[in-house]
Amino acid sequence: MPDHPVITIDGPAASGKSSVARLVARQRGAIYVNTGNMYRAMTWAVLDAGIDPADADAVRAAAATLQIQSPVVEGQTQVQVNGRTLTDADLNSDPVNRAVSHVARVPEVRDLLVAAQRALAAIGPLVMEGRDIGSVVFPDSPLKFYIDASEEVRAARRSAQGHTDQVAERDRLDSTRKTSPLVVPQGAIVIDNSHLTLEQAVQQVLSKLPN
């Protein structure tokens, strides 16, 4: 069992889970952890080294040499690679968006980052969001949520953010990988965020949590 309570929030790309998780953490006085940024940091490092993200052997070798740190700044974790703090522009570039699902499919990458995510439970209460938090990282948490939205809505959100990656393809890669695929965790409360405001979605999560 984790040292502190962990609220897990999973869901596909552009479902709104990051925005919901960030505000739930603020309301609960917990630390917000975006685990997707840890995989994005690994992907950024792979691309920066000139490695083909589809070459699993090369990704595996590179991952073994990288140190991913998650210092807490103003209530949420940042992400560093070998001591370098990555910016939102680094983590959310179109090359990273296109490659992250390939890097995240490598079992050794997931093993490294899942261990790092579990270790964060020692620092305090967490709201942790990603794609396998309730199913793999903290499967015994009693506070599990899955934020979903229709493919059309999610594609429109990505386009409005200026990104060109295809959510359907990322869904396919994330849902069919052999290690820790994207699934609705057992016991998770599912929230359809297709047509909710951010405030409404946050309130739905908060209303299901113990006082």
N, C-alpha and C. Protein backbone atom coordinates (compact mmCIF):
# COMPACT_ATOMS: atom_id res chain seq x y z
N MET A 1 0.84 -1.20 0.00
CA MET A 1 0.00 0.00 0.00
C MET A 1 0.88 1.25 0.00
N PRO A 2 0.45 2.32 -0.71
CA PRO A 2 1.24 3.54 -0.73
C PRO A 2 1.28 4.20 0.65
N ASP A 3 2.31 5.04 0.84
CA ASP A 3 2.47 5.72 2.12
C ASP A 3 1.36 6.73 2.39
N HIS A 4 0.82 7.31 1.33
CA HIS A 4 -0.22 8.33 1.44
C HIS A 4 -1.34 8.02 0.44
N PRO A 5 -2.53 8.60 0.62
CA PRO A 5 -3.62 8.35 -0.31
C PRO A 5 -3.26 8.77 -1.74
N VAL A 6 -3.67 7.97 -2.70
CA VAL A 6 -3.45 8.29 -4.11
C VAL A 6 -4.79 8.25 -4.84
N ILE A 7 -5.18 9.38 -5.40
CA ILE A 7 -6.35 9.45 -6.28
C ILE A 7 -5.83 9.22 -7.69
N THR A 8 -6.31 8.17 -8.36
CA THR A 8 -5.83 7.85 -9.70
C THR A 8 -6.85 8.32 -10.73
N ILE A 9 -6.36 8.96 -11.78
CA ILE A 9 -7.22 9.45 -12.86
C ILE A 9 -6.60 9.03 -14.18
N ASP A 10 -7.25 8.09 -14.86
CA ASP A 10 -6.78 7.59 -16.15
C ASP A 10 -7.70 8.05 -17.26
N GLY A 11 -7.23 7.85 -18.50
CA GLY A 11 -8.05 8.18 -19.65
C GLY A 11 -7.21 8.38 -20.88
N PRO A 12 -7.85 8.43 -22.04
CA PRO A 12 -7.12 8.57 -23.31
C PRO A 12 -6.67 10.02 -23.53
N ALA A 13 -5.93 10.22 -24.61
CA ALA A 13 -5.42 11.54 -24.96
C ALA A 13 -6.57 12.54 -25.15
N ALA A 14 -6.37 13.75 -24.62
CA ALA A 14 -7.29 14.86 -24.82
C ALA A 14 -8.68 14.63 -24.22
N SER A 15 -8.75 13.73 -23.24
CA SER A 15 -10.04 13.53 -22.56
C SER A 15 -10.32 14.61 -21.53
N GLY A 16 -9.29 15.37 -21.20
CA GLY A 16 -9.43 16.41 -20.19
C GLY A 16 -8.93 15.98 -18.83
N LYS A 17 -8.32 14.79 -18.75
CA LYS A 17 -7.93 14.27 -17.44
C LYS A 17 -6.88 15.11 -16.75
N SER A 18 -5.97 15.72 -17.53
CA SER A 18 -4.92 16.53 -16.91
C SER A 18 -5.51 17.75 -16.22
N SER A 19 -6.39 18.45 -16.90
CA SER A 19 -7.01 19.65 -16.32
C SER A 19 -7.83 19.28 -15.09
N VAL A 20 -8.59 18.19 -15.18
CA VAL A 20 -9.40 17.75 -14.05
C VAL A 20 -8.50 17.37 -12.88
N ALA A 21 -7.47 16.57 -13.14
CA ALA A 21 -6.59 16.11 -12.07
C ALA A 21 -5.88 17.27 -11.38
N ARG A 22 -5.45 18.25 -12.15
CA ARG A 22 -4.74 19.40 -11.57
C ARG A 22 -5.64 20.16 -10.59
N LEU A 23 -6.90 20.36 -10.97
CA LEU A 23 -7.81 21.12 -10.11
C LEU A 23 -8.28 20.28 -8.92
N VAL A 24 -8.47 18.99 -9.12
CA VAL A 24 -8.83 18.13 -7.99
C VAL A 24 -7.71 18.15 -6.95
N ALA A 25 -6.47 18.07 -7.42
CA ALA A 25 -5.34 18.12 -6.49
C ALA A 25 -5.32 19.43 -5.71
N ARG A 26 -5.58 20.52 -6.39
CA ARG A 26 -5.59 21.82 -5.72
C ARG A 26 -6.69 21.88 -4.66
N GLN A 27 -7.87 21.36 -5.01
CA GLN A 27 -8.99 21.38 -4.08
C GLN A 27 -8.72 20.50 -2.86
N ARG A 28 -8.00 19.41 -3.05
CA ARG A 28 -7.75 18.44 -1.98
C ARG A 28 -6.45 18.71 -1.23
N GLY A 29 -5.67 19.68 -1.66
CA GLY A 29 -4.39 19.94 -1.02
C GLY A 29 -3.39 18.83 -1.26
N ALA A 30 -3.51 18.18 -2.41
CA ALA A 30 -2.62 17.06 -2.76
C ALA A 30 -1.62 17.52 -3.81
N ILE A 31 -0.63 16.69 -4.07
CA ILE A 31 0.37 16.95 -5.10
C ILE A 31 -0.12 16.38 -6.42
N TYR A 32 -0.07 17.18 -7.47
CA TYR A 32 -0.52 16.75 -8.80
C TYR A 32 0.66 16.13 -9.55
N VAL A 33 0.44 14.93 -10.08
CA VAL A 33 1.47 14.23 -10.84
C VAL A 33 0.93 13.87 -12.23
N ASN A 34 1.55 14.42 -13.25
CA ASN A 34 1.21 14.09 -14.63
C ASN A 34 2.23 13.05 -15.11
N THR A 35 1.85 11.78 -15.07
CA THR A 35 2.80 10.73 -15.44
C THR A 35 3.09 10.73 -16.93
N GLY A 36 2.16 11.25 -17.72
CA GLY A 36 2.41 11.34 -19.15
C GLY A 36 3.66 12.15 -19.45
N ASN A 37 3.93 13.17 -18.62
CA ASN A 37 5.12 13.98 -18.84
C ASN A 37 6.40 13.19 -18.59
N MET A 38 6.33 12.16 -17.76
CA MET A 38 7.51 11.33 -17.55
C MET A 38 7.82 10.53 -18.81
N TYR A 39 6.77 10.02 -19.46
CA TYR A 39 6.98 9.30 -20.72
C TYR A 39 7.39 10.27 -21.83
N ARG A 40 6.84 11.48 -21.78
CA ARG A 40 7.23 12.49 -22.77
C ARG A 40 8.69 12.89 -22.59
N ALA A 41 9.14 12.97 -21.33
CA ALA A 41 10.53 13.31 -21.08
C ALA A 41 11.46 12.23 -21.64
N MET A 42 11.08 10.98 -21.43
CA MET A 42 11.87 9.88 -21.98
C MET A 42 11.88 9.96 -23.51
N THR A 43 10.73 10.28 -24.09
CA THR A 43 10.64 10.39 -25.54
C THR A 43 11.47 11.54 -26.06
N TRP A 44 11.40 12.68 -25.37
CA TRP A 44 12.23 13.85 -25.75
C TRP A 44 13.70 13.45 -25.76
N ALA A 45 14.15 12.73 -24.73
CA ALA A 45 15.55 12.33 -24.63
C ALA A 45 15.94 11.38 -25.76
N VAL A 46 15.04 10.46 -26.09
CA VAL A 46 15.29 9.53 -27.19
C VAL A 46 15.45 10.28 -28.51
N LEU A 47 14.54 11.21 -28.77
CA LEU A 47 14.62 12.00 -30.00
C LEU A 47 15.85 12.88 -30.01
N ASP A 48 16.16 13.49 -28.85
CA ASP A 48 17.33 14.37 -28.75
C ASP A 48 18.62 13.63 -29.04
N ALA A 49 18.63 12.33 -28.72
CA ALA A 49 19.81 11.51 -28.99
C ALA A 49 19.85 10.97 -30.42
N GLY A 50 18.84 11.31 -31.22
CA GLY A 50 18.81 10.86 -32.61
C GLY A 50 18.39 9.41 -32.78
N ILE A 51 17.70 8.88 -31.77
CA ILE A 51 17.28 7.48 -31.80
C ILE A 51 15.89 7.37 -32.43
N ASP A 52 15.69 6.35 -33.25
CA ASP A 52 14.39 6.09 -33.83
C ASP A 52 13.46 5.57 -32.73
N PRO A 53 12.36 6.29 -32.41
CA PRO A 53 11.49 5.84 -31.32
C PRO A 53 10.82 4.51 -31.58
N ALA A 54 10.78 4.06 -32.83
CA ALA A 54 10.19 2.77 -33.15
C ALA A 54 11.18 1.62 -32.99
N ASP A 55 12.46 1.95 -32.71
CA ASP A 55 13.49 0.93 -32.52
C ASP A 55 13.52 0.58 -31.03
N ALA A 56 12.78 -0.45 -30.66
CA ALA A 56 12.62 -0.79 -29.24
C ALA A 56 13.95 -1.11 -28.56
N ASP A 57 14.85 -1.78 -29.27
CA ASP A 57 16.14 -2.13 -28.67
C ASP A 57 16.95 -0.88 -28.35
N ALA A 58 16.95 0.08 -29.28
CA ALA A 58 17.69 1.32 -29.06
C ALA A 58 17.07 2.15 -27.95
N VAL A 59 15.74 2.17 -27.90
CA VAL A 59 15.04 2.90 -26.83
C VAL A 59 15.36 2.26 -25.49
N ARG A 60 15.34 0.94 -25.43
CA ARG A 60 15.64 0.20 -24.19
C ARG A 60 17.04 0.54 -23.70
N ALA A 61 18.00 0.56 -24.61
CA ALA A 61 19.38 0.87 -24.23
C ALA A 61 19.51 2.31 -23.73
N ALA A 62 18.84 3.23 -24.40
CA ALA A 62 18.91 4.63 -24.00
C ALA A 62 18.26 4.85 -22.64
N ALA A 63 17.12 4.20 -22.41
CA ALA A 63 16.39 4.39 -21.16
C ALA A 63 17.23 3.99 -19.96
N ALA A 64 18.07 2.99 -20.14
CA ALA A 64 18.90 2.51 -19.03
C ALA A 64 19.95 3.54 -18.61
N THR A 65 20.23 4.52 -19.47
CA THR A 65 21.26 5.51 -19.16
C THR A 65 20.67 6.83 -18.66
N LEU A 66 19.35 6.94 -18.63
CA LEU A 66 18.71 8.21 -18.30
C LEU A 66 18.21 8.24 -16.87
N GLN A 67 18.32 9.39 -16.24
CA GLN A 67 17.77 9.60 -14.91
C GLN A 67 16.58 10.56 -15.04
N ILE A 68 15.39 10.07 -14.69
CA ILE A 68 14.19 10.90 -14.71
C ILE A 68 13.86 11.30 -13.28
N GLN A 69 13.90 12.59 -12.99
CA GLN A 69 13.58 13.09 -11.65
C GLN A 69 12.27 13.87 -11.70
N SER A 70 11.57 13.91 -10.56
CA SER A 70 10.26 14.59 -10.48
C SER A 70 10.20 15.48 -9.24
N PRO A 71 10.95 16.59 -9.23
CA PRO A 71 10.88 17.50 -8.09
C PRO A 71 9.51 18.17 -8.00
N VAL A 72 9.05 18.44 -6.79
CA VAL A 72 7.76 19.09 -6.59
C VAL A 72 7.96 20.61 -6.53
N VAL A 73 7.24 21.31 -7.38
CA VAL A 73 7.30 22.78 -7.44
C VAL A 73 5.87 23.32 -7.44
N GLU A 74 5.54 24.11 -6.44
CA GLU A 74 4.21 24.74 -6.34
C GLU A 74 3.09 23.71 -6.48
N GLY A 75 3.23 22.62 -5.73
CA GLY A 75 2.14 21.65 -5.64
C GLY A 75 2.04 20.64 -6.75
N GLN A 76 2.99 20.63 -7.67
CA GLN A 76 2.96 19.62 -8.72
C GLN A 76 4.37 19.23 -9.10
N THR A 77 4.50 18.02 -9.64
CA THR A 77 5.82 17.55 -10.03
C THR A 77 6.22 18.15 -11.37
N GLN A 78 7.49 18.56 -11.45
CA GLN A 78 8.10 18.87 -12.73
C GLN A 78 8.82 17.62 -13.20
N VAL A 79 9.44 17.70 -14.35
CA VAL A 79 10.16 16.52 -14.83
C VAL A 79 11.52 16.96 -15.36
N GLN A 80 12.55 16.20 -14.94
CA GLN A 80 13.91 16.48 -15.35
C GLN A 80 14.53 15.23 -15.96
N VAL A 81 15.37 15.44 -16.94
CA VAL A 81 16.15 14.35 -17.54
C VAL A 81 17.62 14.65 -17.29
N ASN A 82 18.27 13.78 -16.53
CA ASN A 82 19.68 13.97 -16.19
C ASN A 82 19.95 15.38 -15.67
N GLY A 83 19.01 15.88 -14.85
CA GLY A 83 19.19 17.18 -14.21
C GLY A 83 18.67 18.36 -15.00
N ARG A 84 18.27 18.16 -16.23
CA ARG A 84 17.73 19.25 -17.05
C ARG A 84 16.22 19.29 -16.91
N THR A 85 15.68 20.44 -16.52
CA THR A 85 14.23 20.61 -16.42
C THR A 85 13.66 20.87 -17.80
N LEU A 86 12.70 20.05 -18.21
CA LEU A 86 12.10 20.21 -19.53
C LEU A 86 10.90 21.15 -19.46
N THR A 87 10.73 21.94 -20.48
CA THR A 87 9.64 22.90 -20.55
C THR A 87 8.41 22.26 -21.17
N ASP A 88 7.28 22.95 -21.07
CA ASP A 88 6.07 22.46 -21.75
C ASP A 88 6.29 22.35 -23.24
N ALA A 89 7.06 23.28 -23.80
CA ALA A 89 7.34 23.23 -25.24
C ALA A 89 8.15 21.99 -25.60
N ASP A 90 9.10 21.62 -24.73
CA ASP A 90 9.86 20.38 -24.97
C ASP A 90 8.94 19.16 -24.93
N LEU A 91 8.09 19.12 -23.90
CA LEU A 91 7.29 17.92 -23.63
C LEU A 91 6.12 17.76 -24.59
N ASN A 92 5.64 18.86 -25.16
CA ASN A 92 4.42 18.81 -25.97
C ASN A 92 4.65 19.17 -27.43
N SER A 93 5.88 19.04 -27.88
CA SER A 93 6.15 19.29 -29.30
C SER A 93 5.49 18.22 -30.16
N ASP A 94 5.24 18.53 -31.41
CA ASP A 94 4.61 17.54 -32.28
C ASP A 94 5.47 16.28 -32.47
N PRO A 95 6.80 16.40 -32.57
CA PRO A 95 7.60 15.16 -32.66
C PRO A 95 7.43 14.27 -31.42
N VAL A 96 7.38 14.86 -30.24
CA VAL A 96 7.16 14.07 -29.03
C VAL A 96 5.76 13.47 -29.04
N ASN A 97 4.75 14.27 -29.42
CA ASN A 97 3.38 13.76 -29.49
C ASN A 97 3.28 12.53 -30.40
N ARG A 98 3.97 12.58 -31.52
CA ARG A 98 3.89 11.47 -32.48
C ARG A 98 4.65 10.24 -32.00
N ALA A 99 5.69 10.43 -31.19
CA ALA A 99 6.57 9.33 -30.84
C ALA A 99 6.29 8.71 -29.47
N VAL A 100 5.56 9.43 -28.59
CA VAL A 100 5.49 8.99 -27.20
C VAL A 100 4.85 7.61 -27.03
N SER A 101 3.86 7.28 -27.83
CA SER A 101 3.23 5.96 -27.68
C SER A 101 4.20 4.84 -28.06
N HIS A 102 5.11 5.10 -29.00
CA HIS A 102 6.09 4.09 -29.37
C HIS A 102 7.07 3.85 -28.23
N VAL A 103 7.54 4.93 -27.62
CA VAL A 103 8.48 4.79 -26.51
C VAL A 103 7.81 4.13 -25.31
N ALA A 104 6.55 4.52 -25.06
CA ALA A 104 5.82 3.99 -23.90
C ALA A 104 5.48 2.51 -24.04
N ARG A 105 5.59 1.95 -25.24
CA ARG A 105 5.31 0.53 -25.45
C ARG A 105 6.44 -0.37 -24.97
N VAL A 106 7.62 0.21 -24.78
CA VAL A 106 8.80 -0.59 -24.42
C VAL A 106 8.69 -1.00 -22.95
N PRO A 107 8.62 -2.31 -22.65
CA PRO A 107 8.39 -2.75 -21.27
C PRO A 107 9.39 -2.19 -20.26
N GLU A 108 10.66 -2.11 -20.65
CA GLU A 108 11.67 -1.63 -19.71
C GLU A 108 11.46 -0.16 -19.37
N VAL A 109 10.97 0.62 -20.33
CA VAL A 109 10.64 2.02 -20.05
C VAL A 109 9.53 2.09 -19.01
N ARG A 110 8.51 1.29 -19.21
CA ARG A 110 7.39 1.31 -18.27
C ARG A 110 7.82 0.83 -16.89
N ASP A 111 8.67 -0.19 -16.83
CA ASP A 111 9.14 -0.69 -15.54
C ASP A 111 9.87 0.42 -14.77
N LEU A 112 10.74 1.14 -15.46
CA LEU A 112 11.50 2.22 -14.83
C LEU A 112 10.58 3.31 -14.30
N LEU A 113 9.64 3.73 -15.12
CA LEU A 113 8.81 4.87 -14.75
C LEU A 113 7.72 4.49 -13.75
N VAL A 114 7.19 3.27 -13.84
CA VAL A 114 6.22 2.83 -12.83
C VAL A 114 6.87 2.80 -11.45
N ALA A 115 8.09 2.32 -11.37
CA ALA A 115 8.80 2.31 -10.09
C ALA A 115 8.98 3.74 -9.56
N ALA A 116 9.31 4.66 -10.45
CA ALA A 116 9.48 6.06 -10.04
C ALA A 116 8.16 6.65 -9.58
N GLN A 117 7.08 6.29 -10.25
CA GLN A 117 5.76 6.81 -9.87
C GLN A 117 5.33 6.28 -8.51
N ARG A 118 5.55 5.00 -8.27
CA ARG A 118 5.19 4.44 -6.97
C ARG A 118 5.99 5.08 -5.84
N ALA A 119 7.24 5.41 -6.12
CA ALA A 119 8.08 6.03 -5.10
C ALA A 119 7.56 7.39 -4.68
N LEU A 120 6.84 8.07 -5.56
CA LEU A 120 6.33 9.41 -5.25
C LEU A 120 5.29 9.38 -4.13
N ALA A 121 4.68 8.23 -3.88
CA ALA A 121 3.66 8.14 -2.82
C ALA A 121 4.25 8.43 -1.45
N ALA A 122 5.57 8.40 -1.33
CA ALA A 122 6.21 8.68 -0.04
C ALA A 122 6.21 10.17 0.29
N ILE A 123 5.97 11.04 -0.71
CA ILE A 123 6.13 12.48 -0.46
C ILE A 123 4.85 13.14 0.04
N GLY A 124 3.71 12.47 -0.08
CA GLY A 124 2.47 13.07 0.41
C GLY A 124 1.28 12.59 -0.40
N PRO A 125 0.06 13.04 -0.05
CA PRO A 125 -1.12 12.66 -0.82
C PRO A 125 -0.97 13.09 -2.29
N LEU A 126 -1.39 12.23 -3.20
CA LEU A 126 -1.21 12.49 -4.63
C LEU A 126 -2.53 12.44 -5.38
N VAL A 127 -2.63 13.24 -6.43
CA VAL A 127 -3.58 13.00 -7.51
C VAL A 127 -2.70 12.70 -8.72
N MET A 128 -2.71 11.46 -9.16
CA MET A 128 -1.82 11.02 -10.24
C MET A 128 -2.64 10.62 -11.45
N GLU A 129 -2.30 11.21 -12.59
CA GLU A 129 -3.06 10.89 -13.80
C GLU A 129 -2.16 10.31 -14.87
N GLY A 130 -2.79 9.46 -15.72
CA GLY A 130 -2.04 8.82 -16.78
C GLY A 130 -2.91 7.83 -17.53
N ARG A 131 -2.31 6.71 -17.93
CA ARG A 131 -3.03 5.71 -18.70
C ARG A 131 -3.05 4.33 -18.04
N ASP A 132 -2.30 4.19 -16.96
CA ASP A 132 -2.28 2.88 -16.28
C ASP A 132 -2.15 3.05 -14.77
N ILE A 133 -2.60 4.18 -14.24
CA ILE A 133 -2.38 4.47 -12.82
C ILE A 133 -3.26 3.58 -11.95
N GLY A 134 -4.55 3.52 -12.25
CA GLY A 134 -5.44 2.68 -11.47
C GLY A 134 -5.34 1.21 -11.79
N SER A 135 -4.83 0.88 -12.96
CA SER A 135 -4.75 -0.53 -13.36
C SER A 135 -3.42 -1.18 -13.00
N VAL A 136 -2.33 -0.40 -12.99
CA VAL A 136 -1.00 -0.98 -12.80
C VAL A 136 -0.22 -0.30 -11.67
N VAL A 137 -0.16 1.02 -11.67
CA VAL A 137 0.72 1.71 -10.72
C VAL A 137 0.18 1.59 -9.30
N PHE A 138 -1.10 1.93 -9.12
CA PHE A 138 -1.74 1.81 -7.80
C PHE A 138 -3.08 1.08 -7.93
N PRO A 139 -3.05 -0.21 -8.28
CA PRO A 139 -4.29 -0.94 -8.51
C PRO A 139 -5.15 -1.12 -7.27
N ASP A 140 -4.55 -0.97 -6.08
CA ASP A 140 -5.31 -1.16 -4.84
C ASP A 140 -5.90 0.14 -4.30
N SER A 141 -5.69 1.24 -5.01
CA SER A 141 -6.28 2.49 -4.54
C SER A 141 -7.80 2.40 -4.58
N PRO A 142 -8.48 2.85 -3.53
CA PRO A 142 -9.95 2.85 -3.55
C PRO A 142 -10.52 4.09 -4.24
N LEU A 143 -9.64 4.97 -4.73
CA LEU A 143 -10.06 6.27 -5.28
C LEU A 143 -9.65 6.34 -6.74
N LYS A 144 -10.37 5.59 -7.61
CA LYS A 144 -9.97 5.47 -9.01
C LYS A 144 -11.03 6.06 -9.93
N PHE A 145 -10.54 6.82 -10.93
CA PHE A 145 -11.43 7.45 -11.89
C PHE A 145 -10.89 7.23 -13.30
N TYR A 146 -11.81 7.22 -14.27
CA TYR A 146 -11.45 7.13 -15.68
C TYR A 146 -12.21 8.23 -16.41
N ILE A 147 -11.48 9.18 -16.96
CA ILE A 147 -12.08 10.31 -17.67
C ILE A 147 -12.06 9.99 -19.16
N ASP A 148 -13.23 9.97 -19.77
CA ASP A 148 -13.32 9.64 -21.19
C ASP A 148 -14.00 10.77 -21.95
N ALA A 149 -13.91 10.73 -23.27
CA ALA A 149 -14.62 11.65 -24.14
C ALA A 149 -14.62 11.03 -25.53
N SER A 150 -15.55 11.45 -26.36
CA SER A 150 -15.65 10.86 -27.69
C SER A 150 -14.41 11.19 -28.52
N GLU A 151 -14.12 10.33 -29.49
CA GLU A 151 -12.95 10.55 -30.35
C GLU A 151 -13.05 11.89 -31.07
N GLU A 152 -14.27 12.25 -31.51
CA GLU A 152 -14.45 13.50 -32.24
C GLU A 152 -14.13 14.70 -31.36
N VAL A 153 -14.62 14.67 -30.13
CA VAL A 153 -14.37 15.77 -29.20
C VAL A 153 -12.88 15.87 -28.88
N ARG A 154 -12.25 14.74 -28.67
CA ARG A 154 -10.84 14.75 -28.32
C ARG A 154 -9.98 15.23 -29.48
N ALA A 155 -10.32 14.82 -30.69
CA ALA A 155 -9.58 15.29 -31.87
C ALA A 155 -9.72 16.80 -32.03
N ALA A 156 -10.92 17.31 -31.80
CA ALA A 156 -11.14 18.75 -31.90
C ALA A 156 -10.34 19.51 -30.85
N ARG A 157 -10.24 18.95 -29.65
CA ARG A 157 -9.46 19.60 -28.59
C ARG A 157 -7.98 19.65 -28.97
N ARG A 158 -7.46 18.56 -29.50
CA ARG A 158 -6.05 18.56 -29.89
C ARG A 158 -5.80 19.58 -30.99
N SER A 159 -6.70 19.64 -31.95
CA SER A 159 -6.55 20.60 -33.04
C SER A 159 -6.60 22.03 -32.52
N ALA A 160 -7.51 22.29 -31.57
CA ALA A 160 -7.62 23.63 -30.99
C ALA A 160 -6.36 24.02 -30.23
N GLN A 161 -5.65 23.02 -29.71
CA GLN A 161 -4.39 23.27 -29.00
C GLN A 161 -3.21 23.45 -29.96
N GLY A 162 -3.49 23.27 -31.26
CA GLY A 162 -2.44 23.46 -32.26
C GLY A 162 -1.61 22.22 -32.53
N HIS A 163 -2.09 21.04 -32.08
CA HIS A 163 -1.34 19.81 -32.28
C HIS A 163 -1.91 19.03 -33.46
N THR A 164 -1.03 18.29 -34.14
CA THR A 164 -1.44 17.58 -35.35
C THR A 164 -1.44 16.06 -35.18
N ASP A 165 -1.16 15.57 -33.97
CA ASP A 165 -1.15 14.12 -33.78
C ASP A 165 -2.58 13.58 -33.86
N GLN A 166 -2.68 12.30 -34.18
CA GLN A 166 -3.97 11.65 -34.37
C GLN A 166 -4.35 10.89 -33.11
N VAL A 167 -5.43 11.33 -32.45
CA VAL A 167 -5.80 10.68 -31.18
C VAL A 167 -6.22 9.24 -31.41
N ALA A 168 -6.84 8.93 -32.54
CA ALA A 168 -7.27 7.55 -32.79
C ALA A 168 -6.07 6.61 -32.87
N GLU A 169 -4.99 7.06 -33.52
CA GLU A 169 -3.80 6.23 -33.63
C GLU A 169 -3.12 6.08 -32.27
N ARG A 170 -3.07 7.15 -31.49
CA ARG A 170 -2.49 7.04 -30.15
C ARG A 170 -3.33 6.11 -29.28
N ASP A 171 -4.65 6.20 -29.41
CA ASP A 171 -5.52 5.27 -28.66
C ASP A 171 -5.22 3.83 -29.04
N ARG A 172 -5.07 3.59 -30.34
CA ARG A 172 -4.82 2.22 -30.80
C ARG A 172 -3.50 1.70 -30.24
N LEU A 173 -2.45 2.50 -30.32
CA LEU A 173 -1.15 2.08 -29.82
C LEU A 173 -1.19 1.85 -28.31
N ASP A 174 -1.82 2.77 -27.58
CA ASP A 174 -1.84 2.66 -26.12
C ASP A 174 -2.72 1.51 -25.65
N SER A 175 -3.79 1.22 -26.38
CA SER A 175 -4.74 0.18 -25.96
C SER A 175 -4.28 -1.22 -26.34
N THR A 176 -3.39 -1.32 -27.33
CA THR A 176 -2.98 -2.64 -27.81
C THR A 176 -1.57 -3.03 -27.39
N ARG A 177 -0.87 -2.15 -26.66
CA ARG A 177 0.47 -2.53 -26.23
C ARG A 177 0.38 -3.71 -25.25
N LYS A 178 1.40 -4.54 -25.24
CA LYS A 178 1.39 -5.73 -24.40
C LYS A 178 1.58 -5.39 -22.92
N THR A 179 2.36 -4.35 -22.65
CA THR A 179 2.65 -3.98 -21.27
C THR A 179 1.79 -2.81 -20.84
N SER A 180 0.98 -3.01 -19.81
CA SER A 180 0.16 -1.93 -19.22
C SER A 180 -0.68 -1.19 -20.25
N PRO A 181 -1.54 -1.88 -20.98
CA PRO A 181 -2.37 -1.18 -21.96
C PRO A 181 -3.37 -0.24 -21.30
N LEU A 182 -3.83 0.73 -22.08
CA LEU A 182 -4.87 1.63 -21.62
C LEU A 182 -6.18 0.87 -21.49
N VAL A 183 -6.69 0.77 -20.26
CA VAL A 183 -7.96 0.10 -19.98
C VAL A 183 -8.70 0.91 -18.92
N VAL A 184 -9.99 0.63 -18.76
CA VAL A 184 -10.72 1.18 -17.63
C VAL A 184 -10.35 0.33 -16.41
N PRO A 185 -9.69 0.90 -15.40
CA PRO A 185 -9.27 0.10 -14.25
C PRO A 185 -10.46 -0.52 -13.53
N GLN A 186 -10.26 -1.71 -13.01
CA GLN A 186 -11.31 -2.36 -12.24
C GLN A 186 -11.70 -1.49 -11.05
N GLY A 187 -13.00 -1.23 -10.93
CA GLY A 187 -13.50 -0.45 -9.82
C GLY A 187 -13.46 1.05 -10.03
N ALA A 188 -12.98 1.50 -11.20
CA ALA A 188 -12.89 2.94 -11.45
C ALA A 188 -14.27 3.53 -11.76
N ILE A 189 -14.48 4.76 -11.33
CA ILE A 189 -15.68 5.52 -11.69
C ILE A 189 -15.42 6.18 -13.03
N VAL A 190 -16.26 5.91 -14.02
CA VAL A 190 -16.09 6.45 -15.37
C VAL A 190 -16.89 7.74 -15.51
N ILE A 191 -16.23 8.79 -16.00
CA ILE A 191 -16.88 10.08 -16.23
C ILE A 191 -16.73 10.44 -17.70
N ASP A 192 -17.86 10.60 -18.39
CA ASP A 192 -17.85 11.03 -19.79
C ASP A 192 -17.71 12.54 -19.82
N ASN A 193 -16.56 13.00 -20.26
CA ASN A 193 -16.23 14.43 -20.25
C ASN A 193 -16.43 15.08 -21.62
N SER A 194 -17.22 14.43 -22.49
CA SER A 194 -17.40 14.97 -23.84
C SER A 194 -18.04 16.35 -23.83
N HIS A 195 -19.02 16.54 -22.94
CA HIS A 195 -19.80 17.79 -22.99
C HIS A 195 -19.92 18.46 -21.63
N LEU A 196 -19.01 18.14 -20.71
CA LEU A 196 -19.01 18.79 -19.42
C LEU A 196 -18.08 19.99 -19.44
N THR A 197 -18.38 20.99 -18.64
CA THR A 197 -17.40 22.03 -18.41
C THR A 197 -16.33 21.48 -17.47
N LEU A 198 -15.20 22.15 -17.42
CA LEU A 198 -14.14 21.71 -16.52
C LEU A 198 -14.64 21.69 -15.09
N GLU A 199 -15.36 22.72 -14.70
CA GLU A 199 -15.89 22.78 -13.33
C GLU A 199 -16.83 21.62 -13.05
N GLN A 200 -17.67 21.26 -14.01
CA GLN A 200 -18.59 20.14 -13.81
C GLN A 200 -17.84 18.82 -13.66
N ALA A 201 -16.82 18.62 -14.48
CA ALA A 201 -16.05 17.38 -14.42
C ALA A 201 -15.31 17.27 -13.07
N VAL A 202 -14.72 18.38 -12.64
CA VAL A 202 -14.02 18.38 -11.35
C VAL A 202 -15.00 18.08 -10.23
N GLN A 203 -16.19 18.68 -10.30
CA GLN A 203 -17.17 18.47 -9.24
C GLN A 203 -17.63 17.03 -9.20
N GLN A 204 -17.73 16.38 -10.37
CA GLN A 204 -18.12 14.97 -10.38
C GLN A 204 -17.10 14.11 -9.64
N VAL A 205 -15.83 14.41 -9.83
CA VAL A 205 -14.79 13.66 -9.11
C VAL A 205 -14.85 13.95 -7.62
N LEU A 206 -14.91 15.24 -7.27
CA LEU A 206 -14.91 15.61 -5.85
C LEU A 206 -16.10 15.02 -5.11
N SER A 207 -17.23 14.92 -5.80
CA SER A 207 -18.44 14.42 -5.12
C SER A 207 -18.33 12.94 -4.77
N LYS A 208 -17.40 12.23 -5.42
CA LYS A 208 -17.23 10.79 -5.16
C LYS A 208 -16.13 10.51 -4.14
N LEU A 209 -15.46 11.55 -3.66
CA LEU A 209 -14.35 11.34 -2.74
C LEU A 209 -14.82 11.49 -1.30
N PRO A 210 -14.21 10.75 -0.38
CA PRO A 210 -14.56 10.90 1.04
C PRO A 210 -14.13 12.27 1.55
N ASN A 211 -14.83 12.78 2.52
CA ASN A 211 -14.48 14.09 3.09
C ASN A 211 -13.19 14.01 3.91
